[in-house]
Amino acid sequence: MPNSPDPVAKALELWHTNPPPTDRPVLLAGPTASGKSALALALAQMQNRVIINADALQVYDMWQILSARPAADEMDAIPHFLYGCVSRVQDWSVGHWLRNVRELLTQYPDAVIVGGTGLYFRALTEGLVDIPATPEAIRKMADAKLALEGLDSLRRDLDEPTRACIDLSNPARVQRAWEVLQSTGRGLVAWQALTPDPVLPLHATTPIILSPPVDWLKTRIDSRFAAMMAQGALEEVRTVLPVWDPRAPWAKAIGAPELIAHLQGHISLQAAVESATLATRQYAKRQRTWFRKRMKAWHALP
């Protein structure tokens, strides 16, 4: 590890002298491998809070190791919610997560909500419109159109306001917008204009973003993925090999596509590990960019 201070230890040192207010929830965001879970656990123990997951992959029951879900003894020490609670065959979205969090907050209004999925936090603090579910027939039509005609065919069909606002290089975002337009007759941006008041306004929380040094984070990512491999990440991925679907939301776990490629005989294990480690670094960079651009009002914890 580089000689820079451990951000988790530094945060705890600060909080022992100036702890977060106990009359409101703490939102704790940060890039992957930044120490969020350890910090959330320490804070929850220090102030007798519970922990609610805000990571889109730690909800899936098959990803204990690869999603870096808190260990069993940590979850036994402090109540943890929305971890490992969704199977691969269940529908799950930011809307499902938000409904669960709304209910949990009625019981635990001072919870620590921790994760790296910026969209979850944005929905929680800015509101989320309840768009009708996409019919299966429309989804299959979108899948076929994407496979046969490419992403441009979906982009061309979008309404102009939506095309101007979404990330047109993101296939999942484009397909979602196309499905919404086809199934409801209303563009995604028009739906978003109907967004209700948020479940938890930002001013009613203590919103914190971990901002560890980039070199420290890179080294931590490398060592953490090596530790995941030692803990059995390859075997964890092997269990989903018979049902692997790269388009499924649960298949987005960083490292899963690379280890699947190895198990399918396409690349060596070493190449898979190197590729997965690089993918994790790239994901952390995208997270930092998201936080910097879209969560400017949050308190950065350097």
C-alpha atoms as a PDB file:
ATOM      1  CA  MET A   1       0.000   0.000   0.000  1.00  0.00           C
ATOM      2  CA  PRO A   2       1.171   3.581  -0.582  1.00  0.00           C
ATOM      3  CA  ASN A   3       2.145   5.556   2.511  1.00  0.00           C
ATOM      4  CA  SER A   4      -0.957   7.801   2.368  1.00  0.00           C
ATOM      5  CA  PRO A   5      -3.231   7.495   5.427  1.00  0.00           C
ATOM      6  CA  ASP A   6      -5.998   4.913   5.477  1.00  0.00           C
ATOM      7  CA  PRO A   7      -9.164   6.942   4.642  1.00  0.00           C
ATOM      8  CA  VAL A   8     -11.306   4.730   6.854  1.00  0.00           C
ATOM      9  CA  ALA A   9      -9.063   5.221   9.874  1.00  0.00           C
ATOM     10  CA  LYS A  10      -8.899   8.954   9.170  1.00  0.00           C
ATOM     11  CA  ALA A  11     -12.688   9.211   8.945  1.00  0.00           C
ATOM     12  CA  LEU A  12     -13.147   7.410  12.255  1.00  0.00           C
ATOM     13  CA  GLU A  13     -10.595   9.677  13.864  1.00  0.00           C
ATOM     14  CA  LEU A  14     -12.571  12.711  12.674  1.00  0.00           C
ATOM     15  CA  TRP A  15     -15.897  11.233  13.754  1.00  0.00           C
ATOM     16  CA  HIS A  16     -14.741  10.460  17.270  1.00  0.00           C
ATOM     17  CA  THR A  17     -14.181  14.194  17.791  1.00  0.00           C
ATOM     18  CA  ASN A  18     -17.028  15.444  15.574  1.00  0.00           C
ATOM     19  CA  PRO A  19     -19.597  12.669  15.069  1.00  0.00           C
ATOM     20  CA  PRO A  20     -22.479  12.947  12.580  1.00  0.00           C
ATOM     21  CA  PRO A  21     -25.797  14.140  14.054  1.00  0.00           C
ATOM     22  CA  THR A  22     -27.871  11.232  15.354  1.00  0.00           C
ATOM     23  CA  ASP A  23     -31.238  12.742  14.437  1.00  0.00           C
ATOM     24  CA  ARG A  24     -30.953  11.957  10.742  1.00  0.00           C
ATOM     25  CA  PRO A  25     -29.727   9.177   8.422  1.00  0.00           C
ATOM     26  CA  VAL A  26     -26.189   9.082   7.097  1.00  0.00           C
ATOM     27  CA  LEU A  27     -25.728   8.530   3.365  1.00  0.00           C
ATOM     28  CA  LEU A  28     -22.307   7.066   2.676  1.00  0.00           C
ATOM     29  CA  ALA A  29     -21.233   6.804  -0.963  1.00  0.00           C
ATOM     30  CA  GLY A  30     -17.886   6.055  -2.536  1.00  0.00           C
ATOM     31  CA  PRO A  31     -16.108   4.152  -5.286  1.00  0.00           C
ATOM     32  CA  THR A  32     -15.632   0.426  -5.105  1.00  0.00           C
ATOM     33  CA  ALA A  33     -12.950  -0.747  -2.643  1.00  0.00           C
ATOM     34  CA  SER A  34     -12.879   2.618  -0.845  1.00  0.00           C
ATOM     35  CA  GLY A  35     -13.755   1.110   2.547  1.00  0.00           C
ATOM     36  CA  LYS A  36     -17.444   2.099   2.640  1.00  0.00           C
ATOM     37  CA  SER A  37     -18.676  -1.088   4.309  1.00  0.00           C
ATOM     38  CA  ALA A  38     -16.052  -0.985   7.060  1.00  0.00           C
ATOM     39  CA  LEU A  39     -16.751   2.667   7.722  1.00  0.00           C
ATOM     40  CA  ALA A  40     -20.520   2.104   7.781  1.00  0.00           C
ATOM     41  CA  LEU A  41     -20.088  -0.755  10.245  1.00  0.00           C
ATOM     42  CA  ALA A  42     -17.862   1.302  12.533  1.00  0.00           C
ATOM     43  CA  LEU A  43     -20.278   4.240  12.460  1.00  0.00           C
ATOM     44  CA  ALA A  44     -23.305   2.014  13.067  1.00  0.00           C
ATOM     45  CA  GLN A  45     -21.595   0.440  16.078  1.00  0.00           C
ATOM     46  CA  MET A  46     -20.484   3.819  17.400  1.00  0.00           C
ATOM     47  CA  GLN A  47     -23.973   5.373  17.183  1.00  0.00           C
ATOM     48  CA  ASN A  48     -26.249   2.324  17.452  1.00  0.00           C
ATOM     49  CA  ARG A  49     -27.594   2.544  13.887  1.00  0.00           C
ATOM     50  CA  VAL A  50     -28.574  -0.082  11.325  1.00  0.00           C
ATOM     51  CA  ILE A  51     -27.115  -0.392   7.815  1.00  0.00           C
ATOM     52  CA  ILE A  52     -29.077  -0.343   4.552  1.00  0.00           C
ATOM     53  CA  ASN A  53     -27.434  -1.408   1.301  1.00  0.00           C
ATOM     54  CA  ALA A  54     -27.301   0.998  -1.652  1.00  0.00           C
ATOM     55  CA  ASP A  55     -25.271  -1.204  -4.004  1.00  0.00           C
ATOM     56  CA  ALA A  56     -27.099  -2.646  -7.015  1.00  0.00           C
ATOM     57  CA  LEU A  57     -25.059  -5.872  -7.041  1.00  0.00           C
ATOM     58  CA  GLN A  58     -24.798  -6.640  -3.330  1.00  0.00           C
ATOM     59  CA  VAL A  59     -28.555  -7.277  -3.372  1.00  0.00           C
ATOM     60  CA  TYR A  60     -28.065 -10.507  -5.387  1.00  0.00           C
ATOM     61  CA  ASP A  61     -27.817 -13.732  -3.430  1.00  0.00           C
ATOM     62  CA  MET A  62     -25.235 -15.359  -5.700  1.00  0.00           C
ATOM     63  CA  TRP A  63     -22.603 -12.626  -5.253  1.00  0.00           C
ATOM     64  CA  GLN A  64     -21.216 -12.895  -1.726  1.00  0.00           C
ATOM     65  CA  ILE A  65     -17.537 -12.682  -2.674  1.00  0.00           C
ATOM     66  CA  LEU A  66     -17.533 -10.908  -6.010  1.00  0.00           C
ATOM     67  CA  SER A  67     -19.711  -8.019  -4.808  1.00  0.00           C
ATOM     68  CA  ALA A  68     -17.653  -7.673  -1.594  1.00  0.00           C
ATOM     69  CA  ARG A  69     -20.770  -8.126   0.483  1.00  0.00           C
ATOM     70  CA  PRO A  70     -20.160  -7.700   4.244  1.00  0.00           C
ATOM     71  CA  ALA A  71     -19.052 -10.887   5.980  1.00  0.00           C
ATOM     72  CA  ALA A  72     -21.470 -12.938   8.064  1.00  0.00           C
ATOM     73  CA  ASP A  73     -19.920 -11.885  11.371  1.00  0.00           C
ATOM     74  CA  GLU A  74     -20.244  -8.208  10.395  1.00  0.00           C
ATOM     75  CA  MET A  75     -23.905  -8.675   9.486  1.00  0.00           C
ATOM     76  CA  ASP A  76     -24.467 -10.487  12.775  1.00  0.00           C
ATOM     77  CA  ALA A  77     -22.882  -7.638  14.741  1.00  0.00           C
ATOM     78  CA  ILE A  78     -25.194  -4.934  13.334  1.00  0.00           C
ATOM     79  CA  PRO A  79     -28.529  -5.341  11.476  1.00  0.00           C
ATOM     80  CA  HIS A  80     -27.921  -5.142   7.720  1.00  0.00           C
ATOM     81  CA  PHE A  81     -30.782  -4.819   5.220  1.00  0.00           C
ATOM     82  CA  LEU A  82     -31.124  -5.431   1.455  1.00  0.00           C
ATOM     83  CA  TYR A  83     -28.025  -7.620   1.167  1.00  0.00           C
ATOM     84  CA  GLY A  84     -28.239 -10.921  -0.733  1.00  0.00           C
ATOM     85  CA  CYS A  85     -32.030 -10.705  -0.818  1.00  0.00           C
ATOM     86  CA  VAL A  86     -32.698 -11.013  -4.571  1.00  0.00           C
ATOM     87  CA  SER A  87     -32.377 -14.106  -6.760  1.00  0.00           C
ATOM     88  CA  ARG A  88     -31.360 -13.986 -10.410  1.00  0.00           C
ATOM     89  CA  VAL A  89     -34.944 -14.729 -11.538  1.00  0.00           C
ATOM     90  CA  GLN A  90     -36.479 -11.840  -9.610  1.00  0.00           C
ATOM     91  CA  ASP A  91     -37.170  -8.466 -11.160  1.00  0.00           C
ATOM     92  CA  TRP A  92     -35.154  -5.775  -9.427  1.00  0.00           C
ATOM     93  CA  SER A  93     -34.709  -2.109 -10.213  1.00  0.00           C
ATOM     94  CA  VAL A  94     -34.048   1.212  -8.553  1.00  0.00           C
ATOM     95  CA  GLY A  95     -37.807   1.428  -8.013  1.00  0.00           C
ATOM     96  CA  HIS A  96     -37.856  -1.855  -6.072  1.00  0.00           C
ATOM     97  CA  TRP A  97     -34.929  -0.644  -3.976  1.00  0.00           C
ATOM     98  CA  LEU A  98     -36.559   2.711  -3.254  1.00  0.00           C
ATOM     99  CA  ARG A  99     -39.820   1.128  -2.084  1.00  0.00           C
ATOM    100  CA  ASN A 100     -37.889  -1.137   0.292  1.00  0.00           C
ATOM    101  CA  VAL A 101     -35.829   1.746   1.652  1.00  0.00           C
ATOM    102  CA  ARG A 102     -38.936   3.881   2.199  1.00  0.00           C
ATOM    103  CA  GLU A 103     -40.409   1.141   4.373  1.00  0.00           C
ATOM    104  CA  LEU A 104     -37.165   0.575   6.282  1.00  0.00           C
ATOM    105  CA  LEU A 105     -36.779   4.277   7.052  1.00  0.00           C
ATOM    106  CA  THR A 106     -40.117   4.285   8.861  1.00  0.00           C
ATOM    107  CA  GLN A 107     -38.583   1.805  11.317  1.00  0.00           C
ATOM    108  CA  TYR A 108     -34.982   3.071  11.277  1.00  0.00           C
ATOM    109  CA  PRO A 109     -34.976   6.816  10.542  1.00  0.00           C
ATOM    110  CA  ASP A 110     -31.312   7.167  11.532  1.00  0.00           C
ATOM    111  CA  ALA A 111     -29.950   4.345   9.362  1.00  0.00           C
ATOM    112  CA  VAL A 112     -26.598   4.373   7.587  1.00  0.00           C
ATOM    113  CA  ILE A 113     -27.347   3.940   3.878  1.00  0.00           C
ATOM    114  CA  VAL A 114     -24.151   2.828   2.174  1.00  0.00           C
ATOM    115  CA  GLY A 115     -23.167   1.886  -1.361  1.00  0.00           C
ATOM    116  CA  GLY A 116     -21.626   2.857  -4.649  1.00  0.00           C
ATOM    117  CA  THR A 117     -24.689   3.016  -6.911  1.00  0.00           C
ATOM    118  CA  GLY A 118     -25.136   6.721  -7.555  1.00  0.00           C
ATOM    119  CA  LEU A 119     -28.509   6.214  -9.238  1.00  0.00           C
ATOM    120  CA  TYR A 120     -29.922   4.755  -6.013  1.00  0.00           C
ATOM    121  CA  PHE A 121     -28.851   7.777  -3.994  1.00  0.00           C
ATOM    122  CA  ARG A 122     -30.124  10.154  -6.627  1.00  0.00           C
ATOM    123  CA  ALA A 123     -33.537   8.470  -6.669  1.00  0.00           C
ATOM    124  CA  LEU A 124     -33.653   8.558  -2.876  1.00  0.00           C
ATOM    125  CA  THR A 125     -32.795  12.253  -2.525  1.00  0.00           C
ATOM    126  CA  GLU A 126     -34.241  13.712  -5.741  1.00  0.00           C
ATOM    127  CA  GLY A 127     -37.294  11.521  -6.368  1.00  0.00           C
ATOM    128  CA  LEU A 128     -38.164   8.764  -8.828  1.00  0.00           C
ATOM    129  CA  VAL A 129     -41.150   8.654 -11.133  1.00  0.00           C
ATOM    130  CA  ASP A 130     -43.131   5.393 -11.128  1.00  0.00           C
ATOM    131  CA  ILE A 131     -42.963   4.364 -14.800  1.00  0.00           C
ATOM    132  CA  PRO A 132     -45.159   1.342 -15.665  1.00  0.00           C
ATOM    133  CA  ALA A 133     -43.275  -1.939 -16.000  1.00  0.00           C
ATOM    134  CA  THR A 134     -42.193  -2.865 -19.518  1.00  0.00           C
ATOM    135  CA  PRO A 135     -44.197  -5.777 -20.968  1.00  0.00           C
ATOM    136  CA  GLU A 136     -42.117  -8.842 -21.714  1.00  0.00           C
ATOM    137  CA  ALA A 137     -43.082  -8.702 -25.403  1.00  0.00           C
ATOM    138  CA  ILE A 138     -41.659  -5.168 -25.717  1.00  0.00           C
ATOM    139  CA  ARG A 139     -38.458  -6.195 -23.964  1.00  0.00           C
ATOM    140  CA  LYS A 140     -37.982  -9.143 -26.321  1.00  0.00           C
ATOM    141  CA  MET A 141     -38.616  -6.859 -29.270  1.00  0.00           C
ATOM    142  CA  ALA A 142     -35.938  -4.468 -28.002  1.00  0.00           C
ATOM    143  CA  ASP A 143     -33.473  -7.324 -27.460  1.00  0.00           C
ATOM    144  CA  ALA A 144     -34.051  -8.585 -30.994  1.00  0.00           C
ATOM    145  CA  LYS A 145     -33.793  -5.126 -32.530  1.00  0.00           C
ATOM    146  CA  LEU A 146     -30.544  -4.450 -30.681  1.00  0.00           C
ATOM    147  CA  ALA A 147     -29.075  -7.802 -31.714  1.00  0.00           C
ATOM    148  CA  LEU A 148     -30.093  -7.613 -35.368  1.00  0.00           C
ATOM    149  CA  GLU A 149     -29.926  -3.890 -36.176  1.00  0.00           C
ATOM    150  CA  GLY A 150     -27.587  -2.447 -33.558  1.00  0.00           C
ATOM    151  CA  LEU A 151     -27.802   0.384 -31.066  1.00  0.00           C
ATOM    152  CA  ASP A 152     -28.323   3.045 -33.737  1.00  0.00           C
ATOM    153  CA  SER A 153     -31.713   1.549 -34.608  1.00  0.00           C
ATOM    154  CA  LEU A 154     -32.914   2.121 -31.044  1.00  0.00           C
ATOM    155  CA  ARG A 155     -31.403   5.604 -30.889  1.00  0.00           C
ATOM    156  CA  ARG A 156     -33.200   6.676 -34.084  1.00  0.00           C
ATOM    157  CA  ASP A 157     -36.579   5.708 -32.648  1.00  0.00           C
ATOM    158  CA  LEU A 158     -36.226   7.818 -29.496  1.00  0.00           C
ATOM    159  CA  ASP A 159     -38.093  11.086 -29.089  1.00  0.00           C
ATOM    160  CA  GLU A 160     -35.912  14.163 -29.449  1.00  0.00           C
ATOM    161  CA  PRO A 161     -36.046  15.374 -25.804  1.00  0.00           C
ATOM    162  CA  THR A 162     -34.964  11.968 -24.554  1.00  0.00           C
ATOM    163  CA  ARG A 163     -32.252  11.653 -27.179  1.00  0.00           C
ATOM    164  CA  ALA A 164     -30.845  15.001 -26.056  1.00  0.00           C
ATOM    165  CA  CYS A 165     -30.708  14.050 -22.370  1.00  0.00           C
ATOM    166  CA  ILE A 166     -29.574  10.450 -21.986  1.00  0.00           C
ATOM    167  CA  ASP A 167     -26.172   8.828 -22.489  1.00  0.00           C
ATOM    168  CA  LEU A 168     -26.534   7.583 -26.064  1.00  0.00           C
ATOM    169  CA  SER A 169     -23.383   5.476 -25.757  1.00  0.00           C
ATOM    170  CA  ASN A 170     -24.895   3.380 -22.944  1.00  0.00           C
ATOM    171  CA  PRO A 171     -26.854   0.461 -24.480  1.00  0.00           C
ATOM    172  CA  ALA A 172     -28.811  -0.227 -21.290  1.00  0.00           C
ATOM    173  CA  ARG A 173     -29.944   3.413 -21.012  1.00  0.00           C
ATOM    174  CA  VAL A 174     -30.893   3.601 -24.690  1.00  0.00           C
ATOM    175  CA  GLN A 175     -32.816   0.328 -24.580  1.00  0.00           C
ATOM    176  CA  ARG A 176     -34.647   1.380 -21.422  1.00  0.00           C
ATOM    177  CA  ALA A 177     -35.687   4.668 -23.051  1.00  0.00           C
ATOM    178  CA  TRP A 178     -36.818   2.841 -26.195  1.00  0.00           C
ATOM    179  CA  GLU A 179     -38.881   0.360 -24.167  1.00  0.00           C
ATOM    180  CA  VAL A 180     -40.547   3.151 -22.174  1.00  0.00           C
ATOM    181  CA  LEU A 181     -41.527   5.010 -25.338  1.00  0.00           C
ATOM    182  CA  GLN A 182     -42.824   1.887 -27.066  1.00  0.00           C
ATOM    183  CA  SER A 183     -44.801   0.594 -24.080  1.00  0.00           C
ATOM    184  CA  THR A 184     -46.287   3.877 -22.815  1.00  0.00           C
ATOM    185  CA  GLY A 185     -46.309   6.200 -25.832  1.00  0.00           C
ATOM    186  CA  ARG A 186     -44.490   8.792 -23.699  1.00  0.00           C
ATOM    187  CA  GLY A 187     -40.776   9.574 -23.807  1.00  0.00           C
ATOM    188  CA  LEU A 188     -38.525   8.933 -20.827  1.00  0.00           C
ATOM    189  CA  VAL A 189     -37.836  12.650 -20.303  1.00  0.00           C
ATOM    190  CA  ALA A 190     -41.576  13.383 -20.291  1.00  0.00           C
ATOM    191  CA  TRP A 191     -42.029  10.752 -17.602  1.00  0.00           C
ATOM    192  CA  GLN A 192     -39.159  12.210 -15.572  1.00  0.00           C
ATOM    193  CA  ALA A 193     -40.910  15.591 -15.608  1.00  0.00           C
ATOM    194  CA  LEU A 194     -43.556  13.939 -13.409  1.00  0.00           C
ATOM    195  CA  THR A 195     -41.012  13.016 -10.713  1.00  0.00           C
ATOM    196  CA  PRO A 196     -42.571  13.264  -7.225  1.00  0.00           C
ATOM    197  CA  ASP A 197     -40.974  14.687  -4.090  1.00  0.00           C
ATOM    198  CA  PRO A 198     -38.071  12.572  -2.830  1.00  0.00           C
ATOM    199  CA  VAL A 199     -38.379   9.969  -0.093  1.00  0.00           C
ATOM    200  CA  LEU A 200     -35.444  11.581   1.703  1.00  0.00           C
ATOM    201  CA  PRO A 201     -34.444  15.150   0.739  1.00  0.00           C
ATOM    202  CA  LEU A 202     -30.710  15.708   0.873  1.00  0.00           C
ATOM    203  CA  HIS A 203     -31.027  18.468   3.491  1.00  0.00           C
ATOM    204  CA  ALA A 204     -32.590  15.940   5.887  1.00  0.00           C
ATOM    205  CA  THR A 205     -29.510  13.691   5.784  1.00  0.00           C
ATOM    206  CA  THR A 206     -25.783  13.708   6.431  1.00  0.00           C
ATOM    207  CA  PRO A 207     -24.530  12.953   2.878  1.00  0.00           C
ATOM    208  CA  ILE A 208     -20.894  11.857   2.662  1.00  0.00           C
ATOM    209  CA  ILE A 209     -18.738  10.746  -0.263  1.00  0.00           C
ATOM    210  CA  LEU A 210     -15.463   8.937   0.328  1.00  0.00           C
ATOM    211  CA  SER A 211     -12.715  10.413  -1.858  1.00  0.00           C
ATOM    212  CA  PRO A 212      -9.582   8.335  -1.230  1.00  0.00           C
ATOM    213  CA  PRO A 213      -6.324   9.034  -3.088  1.00  0.00           C
ATOM    214  CA  VAL A 214      -6.393   7.450  -6.540  1.00  0.00           C
ATOM    215  CA  ASP A 215      -3.091   5.579  -6.091  1.00  0.00           C
ATOM    216  CA  TRP A 216      -4.239   4.215  -2.729  1.00  0.00           C
ATOM    217  CA  LEU A 217      -7.508   3.062  -4.314  1.00  0.00           C
ATOM    218  CA  LYS A 218      -5.783   1.365  -7.259  1.00  0.00           C
ATOM    219  CA  THR A 219      -3.533  -0.597  -4.930  1.00  0.00           C
ATOM    220  CA  ARG A 220      -6.483  -1.556  -2.770  1.00  0.00           C
ATOM    221  CA  ILE A 221      -8.456  -2.724  -5.819  1.00  0.00           C
ATOM    222  CA  ASP A 222      -5.567  -4.941  -6.920  1.00  0.00           C
ATOM    223  CA  SER A 223      -5.127  -6.525  -3.506  1.00  0.00           C
ATOM    224  CA  ARG A 224      -8.873  -6.922  -2.944  1.00  0.00           C
ATOM    225  CA  PHE A 225      -9.448  -8.817  -6.180  1.00  0.00           C
ATOM    226  CA  ALA A 226      -6.537 -11.107  -5.358  1.00  0.00           C
ATOM    227  CA  ALA A 227      -8.170 -11.711  -1.977  1.00  0.00           C
ATOM    228  CA  MET A 228     -11.497 -12.456  -3.696  1.00  0.00           C
ATOM    229  CA  MET A 229      -9.819 -15.104  -5.804  1.00  0.00           C
ATOM    230  CA  ALA A 230      -8.287 -16.664  -2.690  1.00  0.00           C
ATOM    231  CA  GLN A 231     -11.723 -16.683  -1.029  1.00  0.00           C
ATOM    232  CA  GLY A 232     -13.325 -18.612  -3.894  1.00  0.00           C
ATOM    233  CA  ALA A 233     -14.560 -16.061  -6.430  1.00  0.00           C
ATOM    234  CA  LEU A 234     -13.936 -18.475  -9.308  1.00  0.00           C
ATOM    235  CA  GLU A 235     -16.119 -21.140  -7.721  1.00  0.00           C
ATOM    236  CA  GLU A 236     -18.799 -18.547  -7.012  1.00  0.00           C
ATOM    237  CA  VAL A 237     -18.852 -17.631 -10.693  1.00  0.00           C
ATOM    238  CA  ARG A 238     -18.799 -21.294 -11.704  1.00  0.00           C
ATOM    239  CA  THR A 239     -22.183 -21.780 -10.010  1.00  0.00           C
ATOM    240  CA  VAL A 240     -23.860 -19.387 -12.467  1.00  0.00           C
ATOM    241  CA  LEU A 241     -22.080 -20.718 -15.561  1.00  0.00           C
ATOM    242  CA  PRO A 242     -25.034 -22.940 -16.625  1.00  0.00           C
ATOM    243  CA  VAL A 243     -27.450 -19.978 -16.529  1.00  0.00           C
ATOM    244  CA  TRP A 244     -25.069 -17.189 -17.594  1.00  0.00           C
ATOM    245  CA  ASP A 245     -26.788 -14.356 -19.448  1.00  0.00           C
ATOM    246  CA  PRO A 246     -24.518 -11.362 -20.099  1.00  0.00           C
ATOM    247  CA  ARG A 247     -27.564  -9.098 -20.559  1.00  0.00           C
ATOM    248  CA  ALA A 248     -29.010  -9.848 -17.119  1.00  0.00           C
ATOM    249  CA  PRO A 249     -28.657  -7.141 -14.430  1.00  0.00           C
ATOM    250  CA  TRP A 250     -26.946  -9.581 -12.043  1.00  0.00           C
ATOM    251  CA  ALA A 251     -24.325 -10.367 -14.711  1.00  0.00           C
ATOM    252  CA  LYS A 252     -22.911  -6.840 -14.361  1.00  0.00           C
ATOM    253  CA  ALA A 253     -20.872  -7.853 -11.301  1.00  0.00           C
ATOM    254  CA  ILE A 254     -17.323  -6.650 -11.951  1.00  0.00           C
ATOM    255  CA  GLY A 255     -15.131  -9.674 -12.607  1.00  0.00           C
ATOM    256  CA  ALA A 256     -17.962 -12.046 -13.489  1.00  0.00           C
ATOM    257  CA  PRO A 257     -17.747 -11.690 -17.310  1.00  0.00           C
ATOM    258  CA  GLU A 258     -13.974 -12.131 -17.210  1.00  0.00           C
ATOM    259  CA  LEU A 259     -14.072 -15.237 -15.020  1.00  0.00           C
ATOM    260  CA  ILE A 260     -16.905 -16.658 -17.129  1.00  0.00           C
ATOM    261  CA  ALA A 261     -14.727 -16.178 -20.219  1.00  0.00           C
ATOM    262  CA  HIS A 262     -12.014 -18.216 -18.504  1.00  0.00           C
ATOM    263  CA  LEU A 263     -14.453 -20.967 -17.497  1.00  0.00           C
ATOM    264  CA  GLN A 264     -15.700 -21.102 -21.085  1.00  0.00           C
ATOM    265  CA  GLY A 265     -12.116 -21.651 -22.249  1.00  0.00           C
ATOM    266  CA  HIS A 266     -11.663 -18.322 -24.027  1.00  0.00           C
ATOM    267  CA  ILE A 267      -8.867 -16.841 -21.879  1.00  0.00           C
ATOM    268  CA  SER A 268      -6.396 -17.987 -19.241  1.00  0.00           C
ATOM    269  CA  LEU A 269      -7.068 -17.500 -15.546  1.00  0.00           C
ATOM    270  CA  GLN A 270      -4.247 -14.979 -15.301  1.00  0.00           C
ATOM    271  CA  ALA A 271      -5.688 -12.974 -18.195  1.00  0.00           C
ATOM    272  CA  ALA A 272      -9.116 -13.101 -16.557  1.00  0.00           C
ATOM    273  CA  VAL A 273      -7.789 -11.786 -13.261  1.00  0.00           C
ATOM    274  CA  GLU A 274      -5.823  -9.003 -14.960  1.00  0.00           C
ATOM    275  CA  SER A 275      -8.834  -8.032 -17.057  1.00  0.00           C
ATOM    276  CA  ALA A 276     -11.171  -8.074 -14.045  1.00  0.00           C
ATOM    277  CA  THR A 277      -8.770  -5.942 -12.012  1.00  0.00           C
ATOM    278  CA  LEU A 278      -8.551  -3.413 -14.844  1.00  0.00           C
ATOM    279  CA  ALA A 279     -12.357  -3.420 -15.186  1.00  0.00           C
ATOM    280  CA  THR A 280     -12.658  -2.691 -11.466  1.00  0.00           C
ATOM    281  CA  ARG A 281     -10.295   0.265 -11.767  1.00  0.00           C
ATOM    282  CA  GLN A 282     -12.296   1.600 -14.714  1.00  0.00           C
ATOM    283  CA  TYR A 283     -15.534   1.171 -12.800  1.00  0.00           C
ATOM    284  CA  ALA A 284     -14.120   3.091  -9.840  1.00  0.00           C
ATOM    285  CA  LYS A 285     -13.140   5.906 -12.197  1.00  0.00           C
ATOM    286  CA  ARG A 286     -16.691   6.053 -13.612  1.00  0.00           C
ATOM    287  CA  GLN A 287     -18.064   6.167 -10.079  1.00  0.00           C
ATOM    288  CA  ARG A 288     -15.777   9.050  -9.140  1.00  0.00           C
ATOM    289  CA  THR A 289     -16.874  10.937 -12.253  1.00  0.00           C
ATOM    290  CA  TRP A 290     -20.562  10.361 -11.421  1.00  0.00           C
ATOM    291  CA  PHE A 291     -20.101  11.564  -7.844  1.00  0.00           C
ATOM    292  CA  ARG A 292     -18.147  14.614  -8.939  1.00  0.00           C
ATOM    293  CA  LYS A 293     -20.691  15.702 -11.550  1.00  0.00           C
ATOM    294  CA  ARG A 294     -24.013  14.712  -9.996  1.00  0.00           C
ATOM    295  CA  MET A 295     -23.498  14.786  -6.244  1.00  0.00           C
ATOM    296  CA  LYS A 296     -21.814  18.154  -5.803  1.00  0.00           C
ATOM    297  CA  ALA A 297     -23.813  19.058  -2.695  1.00  0.00           C
ATOM    298  CA  TRP A 298     -22.510  16.042  -0.773  1.00  0.00           C
ATOM    299  CA  HIS A 299     -19.676  16.364   1.739  1.00  0.00           C
ATOM    300  CA  ALA A 300     -16.465  14.878   0.380  1.00  0.00           C
ATOM    301  CA  LEU A 301     -14.419  12.991   2.937  1.00  0.00           C
ATOM    302  CA  PRO A 302     -10.845  13.179   1.629  1.00  0.00           C
END
